[in-house]
Every structure is written in structure tokens, then in C-alpha cells.
Amino acid sequence: MARVVCVDYEGALARRDVPAAIFERFADESWRTLRAEWQRGFRSRESYLAEALRSIEAPADEVVPFATETAELERGLTELWDWAHWNDWFLVVLADGFDFYVEPSLAPLGLPRLPRHCARTTTRYRWRAQYFSPRGIEIQARFKLSYVAAYRAAGDFVVYLGAEGAPEAAAAAHAAIGRARGDLHFVRLEDVVGILERQGEAWWRSWCSTTAGEASSNSSPEP
């Protein structure tokens, strides 16, 4: 069993809505309709992002530099990585945004062993984005949830950081930390290390004591 912190790129790291900035610059007005359909619950966020990206006709040598320059991260991920390493936690980044800016935005942090999962894109014929589950199956919705469910199915203890980025995934984790005001929230990413210092071990021990007598080491939701 591992102790996993899933860091939501959109909910905890990104300072801007990078896909929206990309679409505003390069897509036709149809992206606003797609976004509205997602916000009203008529399509998944993954479907909205993939369809809006497909409408872009600008080449990669225009889109990628703009996206890379637009993507800015909150400070504190390196400190969180260090804390996780020395305290026997496993850190992973989950993003429903696109690899062509997610990867470059993380690269300057110098954390090559940090797992990160995001939409994979190609520009063969036209822009295309694909989301793959932990089993390598292409999915159209609940991308982040599929990873939380997979960790839970493996018997791992999961803390979700950035709950607003994917409420379903956060709800499936054993504990969630968001930006909303309440007993458990963060204002800056640097706050999270303190929260985990105070709460992490207690969460872990409480979960272990709860599951110790069960036939299964977890009660994982279906992916």
C-alpha cells in the first residue's frame, strides 16, 4: 500500500485557464458553445477540450509557444515533492489540459521523476487530443477520477489536492484539500506541506485501522 497525493494541475497549480486562453486566441467562436455545454452538464470537460482543440487550424509552431508562455504555475510544488519524498508519500500530477504546455510548464522545476498524466495531443492532419485511463484505454470523461479509482483499487491511500479541479475525483479520494474556505483548505500551495504535516499521518493511521479487519484493503469505486 502506498500513500498518494494526487495534485490537480487545474485546481492547485495553474494560475490561468490555459485552454481558454488558447481557444480565445486560435479557435473559432464554436468553443464558447462547447464550454457552455460543459458548464451546463451536457458534455464532459474532456469532450469540451478535445472538440475545441480540434477546431483550431493554426499550426503547432504558433499554438505551442503561445500556450507555453501562457502557462504559469503556483510556487510550492518542489517543496511538496521534497516533503513527500522524505516522508514516504508518492506525488502525481493530474491534468485535463494538453501535454504541449503541461510538460514544459513542469520541466523548469527539475522533477523528471514526477509522474504526470494529461491529454495527449497530435497534429497529424489536424489537432487531436486523447485521454487514456491507467490501463491505456481511451476515455471521453472522468479522466482524473480513473486515476484516483486505480490507486484505490490497488489498495493505496489517496489525498486529492485541488478539489475544485475535479470534484468527482476529489470525492473518490480518502481525503481532499481544496481552495474553498473551510476547516481544510489552502490559500497558497506552500500551505499544503503544513496541512499534511498536521493531518497526513493521522488520516493514514485512521484509514489503516478502519480497513485492517476488512476482507479487502479498500472500498474502491469502480473506474
Protein backbone atom coordinates (compact mmCIF):
# COMPACT_ATOMS: atom_id res chain seq x y z
CA MET A 1 0.00 0.00 0.00
CA ALA A 2 1.23 3.48 -0.89
CA ARG A 3 0.25 6.93 0.32
CA VAL A 4 -0.55 9.02 -2.75
CA VAL A 5 -1.07 12.75 -3.20
CA CYS A 6 -2.84 13.49 -6.49
CA VAL A 7 -2.11 17.11 -7.39
CA ASP A 8 -4.77 18.59 -9.68
CA TYR A 9 -2.98 20.77 -12.23
CA GLU A 10 -6.00 22.96 -12.87
CA GLY A 11 -7.20 23.06 -9.25
CA ALA A 12 -3.89 23.51 -7.45
CA LEU A 13 -1.10 24.52 -9.83
CA ALA A 14 -2.31 26.59 -12.79
CA ARG A 15 -2.62 30.35 -12.36
CA ARG A 16 -4.66 30.71 -15.54
CA ASP A 17 -7.20 28.75 -17.58
CA VAL A 18 -4.68 27.92 -20.30
CA PRO A 19 -7.06 26.05 -22.65
CA ALA A 20 -9.47 29.00 -22.61
CA ALA A 21 -6.60 31.35 -23.47
CA ILE A 22 -5.59 29.08 -26.36
CA PHE A 23 -9.14 28.89 -27.70
CA GLU A 24 -9.66 32.62 -27.31
CA ARG A 25 -6.58 33.19 -29.45
CA PHE A 26 -6.81 30.46 -32.07
CA ALA A 27 -10.25 28.78 -32.15
CA ASP A 28 -13.43 29.95 -33.81
CA GLU A 29 -16.42 31.03 -31.72
CA SER A 30 -17.75 27.46 -31.50
CA TRP A 31 -15.51 26.85 -28.50
CA ARG A 32 -17.75 29.10 -26.38
CA THR A 33 -20.74 26.91 -27.18
CA LEU A 34 -18.76 23.80 -26.25
CA ARG A 35 -17.67 25.42 -22.99
CA ALA A 36 -21.25 26.38 -22.16
CA GLU A 37 -22.41 22.82 -22.81
CA TRP A 38 -19.78 21.53 -20.39
CA GLN A 39 -20.71 24.11 -17.75
CA ARG A 40 -24.39 23.11 -18.04
CA GLY A 41 -23.50 19.44 -17.68
CA PHE A 42 -24.33 18.43 -21.25
CA ARG A 43 -20.83 17.19 -22.05
CA SER A 44 -17.69 16.24 -20.12
CA ARG A 45 -14.80 18.63 -19.68
CA GLU A 46 -12.65 16.23 -21.67
CA SER A 47 -15.10 16.33 -24.56
CA TYR A 48 -15.25 20.12 -24.47
CA LEU A 49 -11.46 20.47 -24.52
CA ALA A 50 -10.91 17.87 -27.24
CA GLU A 51 -13.62 19.25 -29.53
CA ALA A 52 -12.49 22.84 -29.08
CA LEU A 53 -8.88 21.92 -29.82
CA ARG A 54 -9.98 20.10 -32.98
CA SER A 55 -11.47 23.35 -34.30
CA ILE A 56 -8.07 25.09 -34.28
CA GLU A 57 -6.41 25.43 -37.67
CA ALA A 58 -3.27 27.27 -36.57
CA PRO A 59 -0.06 25.19 -36.75
CA ALA A 60 1.86 23.88 -33.77
CA ASP A 61 4.67 26.41 -34.20
CA GLU A 62 2.12 29.13 -33.37
CA VAL A 63 -0.02 27.39 -30.76
CA VAL A 64 2.67 25.71 -28.67
CA PRO A 65 4.85 28.78 -27.95
CA PHE A 66 1.76 30.80 -27.02
CA ALA A 67 0.49 28.05 -24.68
CA THR A 68 3.90 27.53 -23.10
CA GLU A 69 4.26 31.25 -22.40
CA THR A 70 0.72 31.45 -21.02
CA ALA A 71 1.09 28.53 -18.61
CA GLU A 72 2.24 29.69 -15.19
CA LEU A 73 2.32 27.60 -12.04
CA GLU A 74 1.89 28.45 -8.39
CA ARG A 75 5.03 28.18 -6.32
CA GLY A 76 5.46 25.31 -3.89
CA LEU A 77 5.36 22.08 -5.89
CA THR A 78 9.10 21.46 -5.43
CA GLU A 79 8.76 21.82 -1.65
CA LEU A 80 5.79 19.46 -1.68
CA TRP A 81 7.80 16.94 -3.73
CA ASP A 82 10.67 17.12 -1.24
CA TRP A 83 8.33 16.63 1.70
CA ALA A 84 6.64 13.66 0.01
CA HIS A 85 10.00 12.07 -0.80
CA TRP A 86 11.31 12.29 2.76
CA ASN A 87 8.03 11.24 4.37
CA ASP A 88 7.31 8.23 2.15
CA TRP A 89 4.44 9.66 0.11
CA PHE A 90 4.00 9.33 -3.65
CA LEU A 91 3.22 12.51 -5.63
CA VAL A 92 1.47 12.55 -9.01
CA VAL A 93 0.10 15.40 -11.15
CA LEU A 94 -3.24 15.00 -12.96
CA ALA A 95 -4.18 17.48 -15.70
CA ASP A 96 -7.05 17.55 -18.16
CA GLY A 97 -5.13 20.13 -20.18
CA PHE A 98 -2.80 19.38 -23.07
CA ASP A 99 0.66 17.84 -22.98
CA PHE A 100 2.21 20.56 -25.18
CA TYR A 101 2.05 23.06 -22.33
CA VAL A 102 1.68 20.88 -19.22
CA GLU A 103 5.04 19.17 -19.78
CA PRO A 104 7.03 22.40 -20.49
CA SER A 105 5.47 24.16 -17.50
CA LEU A 106 6.66 21.40 -15.17
CA ALA A 107 10.10 20.97 -16.76
CA PRO A 108 11.79 24.00 -15.08
CA LEU A 109 11.07 22.52 -11.66
CA GLY A 110 13.67 19.83 -12.29
CA LEU A 111 11.47 16.92 -11.20
CA PRO A 112 11.90 14.35 -14.02
CA ARG A 113 10.63 11.50 -11.83
CA LEU A 114 7.37 13.27 -11.02
CA PRO A 115 4.57 11.31 -12.75
CA ARG A 116 2.19 13.48 -14.72
CA HIS A 117 -0.89 12.45 -16.69
CA CYS A 118 -2.64 14.75 -19.16
CA ALA A 119 -4.30 14.84 -22.58
CA ARG A 120 -2.00 13.54 -25.32
CA THR A 121 -2.11 15.58 -28.49
CA THR A 122 -1.10 15.16 -32.13
CA THR A 123 -1.21 17.47 -35.14
CA ARG A 124 -1.36 14.85 -37.88
CA TYR A 125 -3.95 16.20 -40.35
CA ARG A 126 -5.41 18.42 -37.61
CA TRP A 127 -5.22 18.91 -33.85
CA ARG A 128 -6.39 15.96 -31.80
CA ALA A 129 -6.46 15.32 -28.05
CA GLN A 130 -6.86 11.91 -26.43
CA TYR A 131 -7.34 10.87 -22.81
CA PHE A 132 -6.12 7.47 -21.69
CA SER A 133 -7.03 5.64 -18.49
CA PRO A 134 -4.34 3.98 -16.32
CA ARG A 135 -4.98 0.82 -18.37
CA GLY A 136 -4.24 2.65 -21.62
CA ILE A 137 -7.87 2.71 -22.75
CA GLU A 138 -9.07 5.89 -24.45
CA ILE A 139 -11.82 7.53 -22.42
CA GLN A 140 -14.10 10.52 -23.01
CA ALA A 141 -14.87 11.51 -19.42
CA ARG A 142 -13.72 11.16 -15.79
CA PHE A 143 -10.04 11.14 -16.70
CA LYS A 144 -8.80 12.23 -13.28
CA LEU A 145 -11.30 10.03 -11.50
CA SER A 146 -9.94 7.00 -13.37
CA TYR A 147 -6.53 7.51 -11.74
CA VAL A 148 -7.91 8.01 -8.24
CA ALA A 149 -10.02 4.87 -8.67
CA ALA A 150 -6.99 2.92 -9.92
CA TYR A 151 -4.89 3.89 -6.90
CA ARG A 152 -7.72 2.96 -4.58
CA ALA A 153 -8.24 -0.36 -6.37
CA ALA A 154 -4.56 -1.11 -5.76
CA GLY A 155 -5.12 -0.59 -2.03
CA ASP A 156 -3.46 2.82 -1.83
CA PHE A 157 -4.45 5.73 0.40
CA VAL A 158 -5.25 8.81 -1.70
CA VAL A 159 -5.23 12.50 -0.82
CA TYR A 160 -6.54 14.81 -3.54
CA LEU A 161 -5.07 18.30 -3.75
CA GLY A 162 -7.04 20.93 -5.66
CA ALA A 163 -10.53 19.56 -5.17
CA GLU A 164 -12.20 22.23 -7.31
CA GLY A 165 -10.34 20.98 -10.38
CA ALA A 166 -12.24 17.68 -10.45
CA PRO A 167 -14.93 17.33 -7.76
CA GLU A 168 -15.76 13.71 -8.67
CA ALA A 169 -12.12 12.65 -8.36
CA ALA A 170 -11.75 14.56 -5.08
CA ALA A 171 -14.88 12.91 -3.70
CA ALA A 172 -13.48 9.46 -4.53
CA ALA A 173 -10.23 10.12 -2.63
CA HIS A 174 -9.87 9.30 1.05
CA ALA A 175 -9.19 12.96 1.83
CA ALA A 176 -9.38 16.13 -0.26
CA ILE A 177 -7.86 19.58 0.13
CA GLY A 178 -9.29 22.49 -1.85
CA ARG A 179 -9.15 26.26 -2.10
CA ALA A 180 -12.67 26.78 -0.76
CA ARG A 181 -12.87 28.23 2.71
CA GLY A 182 -13.43 25.65 5.42
CA ASP A 183 -11.65 23.60 8.03
CA LEU A 184 -9.33 22.09 5.44
CA HIS A 185 -8.17 24.39 2.65
CA PHE A 186 -5.09 26.07 1.24
CA VAL A 187 -4.57 29.61 0.01
CA ARG A 188 -1.03 29.07 -1.27
CA LEU A 189 0.49 25.80 -2.39
CA GLU A 190 3.12 26.24 0.32
CA ASP A 191 0.33 25.76 2.88
CA VAL A 192 -0.17 22.14 1.85
CA VAL A 193 3.03 20.84 3.43
CA GLY A 194 1.84 22.16 6.79
CA ILE A 195 -1.58 20.55 6.33
CA LEU A 196 -0.02 17.19 5.51
CA GLU A 197 2.40 17.52 8.42
CA ARG A 198 -0.52 18.03 10.79
CA GLN A 199 -3.09 15.70 9.24
CA GLY A 200 -1.44 13.21 6.90
CA GLU A 201 -0.23 10.66 9.39
CA ALA A 202 -3.49 10.76 11.33
CA TRP A 203 -5.51 10.24 8.15
CA TRP A 204 -3.28 7.32 7.19
CA ARG A 205 -3.44 5.62 10.60
CA SER A 206 -7.18 6.09 10.89
CA TRP A 207 -7.68 4.56 7.44
CA CYS A 208 -5.39 1.63 8.25
CA SER A 209 -7.22 0.90 11.48
CA THR A 210 -10.58 1.07 9.67
CA THR A 211 -9.57 -1.30 6.88
CA ALA A 212 -7.46 -3.73 8.91
CA GLY A 213 -10.36 -6.02 9.74
CA GLU A 214 -11.99 -5.94 6.34
CA ALA A 215 -11.72 -8.68 3.78
CA SER A 216 -10.48 -6.12 1.27
CA SER A 217 -7.91 -3.40 1.95
CA ASN A 218 -10.08 -0.76 0.30
CA SER A 219 -13.57 0.11 -0.77
CA SER A 220 -12.70 1.48 -4.16
CA PRO A 221 -15.29 2.89 -6.54
CA GLU A 222 -15.44 1.44 -9.99
CA PRO A 223 -13.27 3.42 -12.51
